[in-house]
């Protein structure tokens, strides 16, 4: 028996608990209740759910922003309020003009 938990399971009463027992108590009727070991499954699952929800929320926001921006550009270009042209000069055009 190396651990205190082993002693408690074997029926031994540790000295610090023995001093807390009132005098005249029948030690054969003393029951020592141990706290259950902590489970980390709940916090780990909660962390994974929060992380997954955050990623999903960011993806939805990015998709909505993309759709709104595309619609806004489509409406503005259709109404003439926005025009976007790409002006590329090629080497041939520059050579021909010289």
Protein backbone atom coordinates (compact mmCIF):
# COMPACT_ATOMS: atom_id res chain seq x y z
CA UNK A 1 0.00 0.00 0.00
CA UNK A 2 1.89 2.99 -1.26
CA UNK A 3 -0.89 5.49 -1.88
CA UNK A 4 -3.32 6.95 0.68
CA UNK A 5 -6.21 5.80 -1.52
CA UNK A 6 -4.98 2.21 -1.12
CA UNK A 7 -5.00 2.61 2.66
CA UNK A 8 -8.54 3.99 2.66
CA UNK A 9 -9.75 1.13 0.46
CA UNK A 10 -8.11 -1.36 2.82
CA UNK A 11 -10.01 0.08 5.79
CA UNK A 12 -7.21 2.13 7.34
CA UNK A 13 -8.09 5.55 8.72
CA UNK A 14 -5.38 8.18 8.08
CA UNK A 15 -4.08 10.03 11.14
CA UNK A 16 -5.45 13.43 10.07
CA UNK A 17 -8.96 11.95 9.68
CA UNK A 18 -8.59 9.94 12.88
CA UNK A 19 -8.10 13.19 14.86
CA UNK A 20 -11.35 14.59 13.42
CA UNK A 21 -13.49 11.68 14.59
CA UNK A 22 -15.34 12.52 17.84
CA UNK A 23 -14.28 10.50 20.90
CA UNK A 24 -16.42 7.45 21.63
CA UNK A 25 -17.21 6.78 17.94
CA UNK A 26 -17.16 3.14 16.89
CA UNK A 27 -14.43 3.09 14.24
CA UNK A 28 -15.88 -0.04 12.67
CA UNK A 29 -18.90 2.01 11.60
CA UNK A 30 -16.92 4.93 10.13
CA UNK A 31 -17.30 5.29 6.38
CA UNK A 32 -14.85 7.45 4.47
CA UNK A 33 -16.29 8.85 1.27
CA UNK A 34 -13.87 9.84 -1.46
CA UNK A 35 -14.50 12.40 -4.12
CA UNK A 36 -14.77 10.90 -7.59
CA UNK A 37 -11.81 11.57 -9.89
CA UNK A 38 -12.28 14.53 -12.18
CA UNK A 39 -13.43 13.78 -15.70
CA UNK A 40 -12.03 15.98 -18.45
CA UNK A 41 -14.36 14.66 -21.14
CA UNK A 42 -16.93 17.45 -20.68
CA UNK A 43 -14.52 20.41 -20.97
CA UNK A 44 -12.75 18.83 -23.96
CA UNK A 45 -16.03 18.23 -25.80
CA UNK A 46 -17.18 21.77 -24.97
CA UNK A 47 -13.93 23.22 -26.34
CA UNK A 48 -14.27 21.23 -29.57
CA UNK A 49 -17.90 22.30 -30.00
CA UNK A 50 -17.04 25.97 -29.45
CA UNK A 51 -14.10 25.77 -31.88
CA UNK A 52 -16.18 24.01 -34.55
CA UNK A 53 -19.02 26.49 -34.11
CA UNK A 54 -16.63 29.43 -34.43
CA UNK A 55 -15.13 28.06 -37.64
CA UNK A 56 -18.59 27.39 -39.08
CA UNK A 57 -19.76 30.90 -38.12
CA UNK A 58 -16.71 32.49 -39.79
CA UNK A 59 -17.32 30.46 -42.96
CA UNK A 60 -20.97 31.55 -43.07
CA UNK A 61 -20.00 35.20 -42.54
CA UNK A 62 -17.37 34.99 -45.31
CA UNK A 63 -19.92 33.45 -47.69
CA UNK A 64 -22.55 36.09 -46.91
CA UNK A 65 -20.04 38.92 -47.37
CA UNK A 66 -18.98 37.45 -50.71
CA UNK A 67 -22.57 37.15 -51.92
CA UNK A 68 -23.46 40.67 -50.77
CA UNK A 69 -20.34 42.15 -52.42
CA UNK A 70 -21.06 40.32 -55.68
CA UNK A 71 -24.67 41.49 -55.67
CA UNK A 72 -23.66 45.07 -54.91
CA UNK A 73 -21.15 45.14 -57.75
CA UNK A 74 -23.70 43.59 -60.10
CA UNK A 75 -26.34 46.19 -59.21
CA UNK A 76 -23.94 49.12 -59.40
CA UNK A 77 -22.51 48.06 -62.75
CA UNK A 78 -25.99 47.44 -64.18
CA UNK A 79 -27.18 50.89 -63.15
CA UNK A 80 -24.08 52.62 -64.51
CA UNK A 81 -22.91 53.73 -61.12
CA UNK A 82 -19.75 51.69 -61.31
CA UNK A 83 -17.57 50.82 -64.21
CA UNK A 84 -14.44 48.79 -64.07
CA UNK A 85 -12.17 48.44 -67.05
CA UNK A 86 -8.85 46.77 -67.43
CA UNK A 87 -6.52 48.75 -69.61
CA UNK A 88 -3.59 46.62 -70.67
CA UNK A 89 -1.11 47.84 -73.17
CA UNK A 90 0.77 45.16 -74.98
CA UNK A 91 4.29 45.37 -76.32
CA UNK A 92 3.01 45.03 -79.88
CA UNK A 93 0.80 48.06 -79.57
CA UNK A 94 3.66 50.11 -78.18
CA UNK A 95 5.99 48.91 -80.94
CA UNK A 96 3.45 49.71 -83.68
CA UNK A 97 2.86 53.22 -82.40
CA UNK A 98 6.60 54.08 -82.55
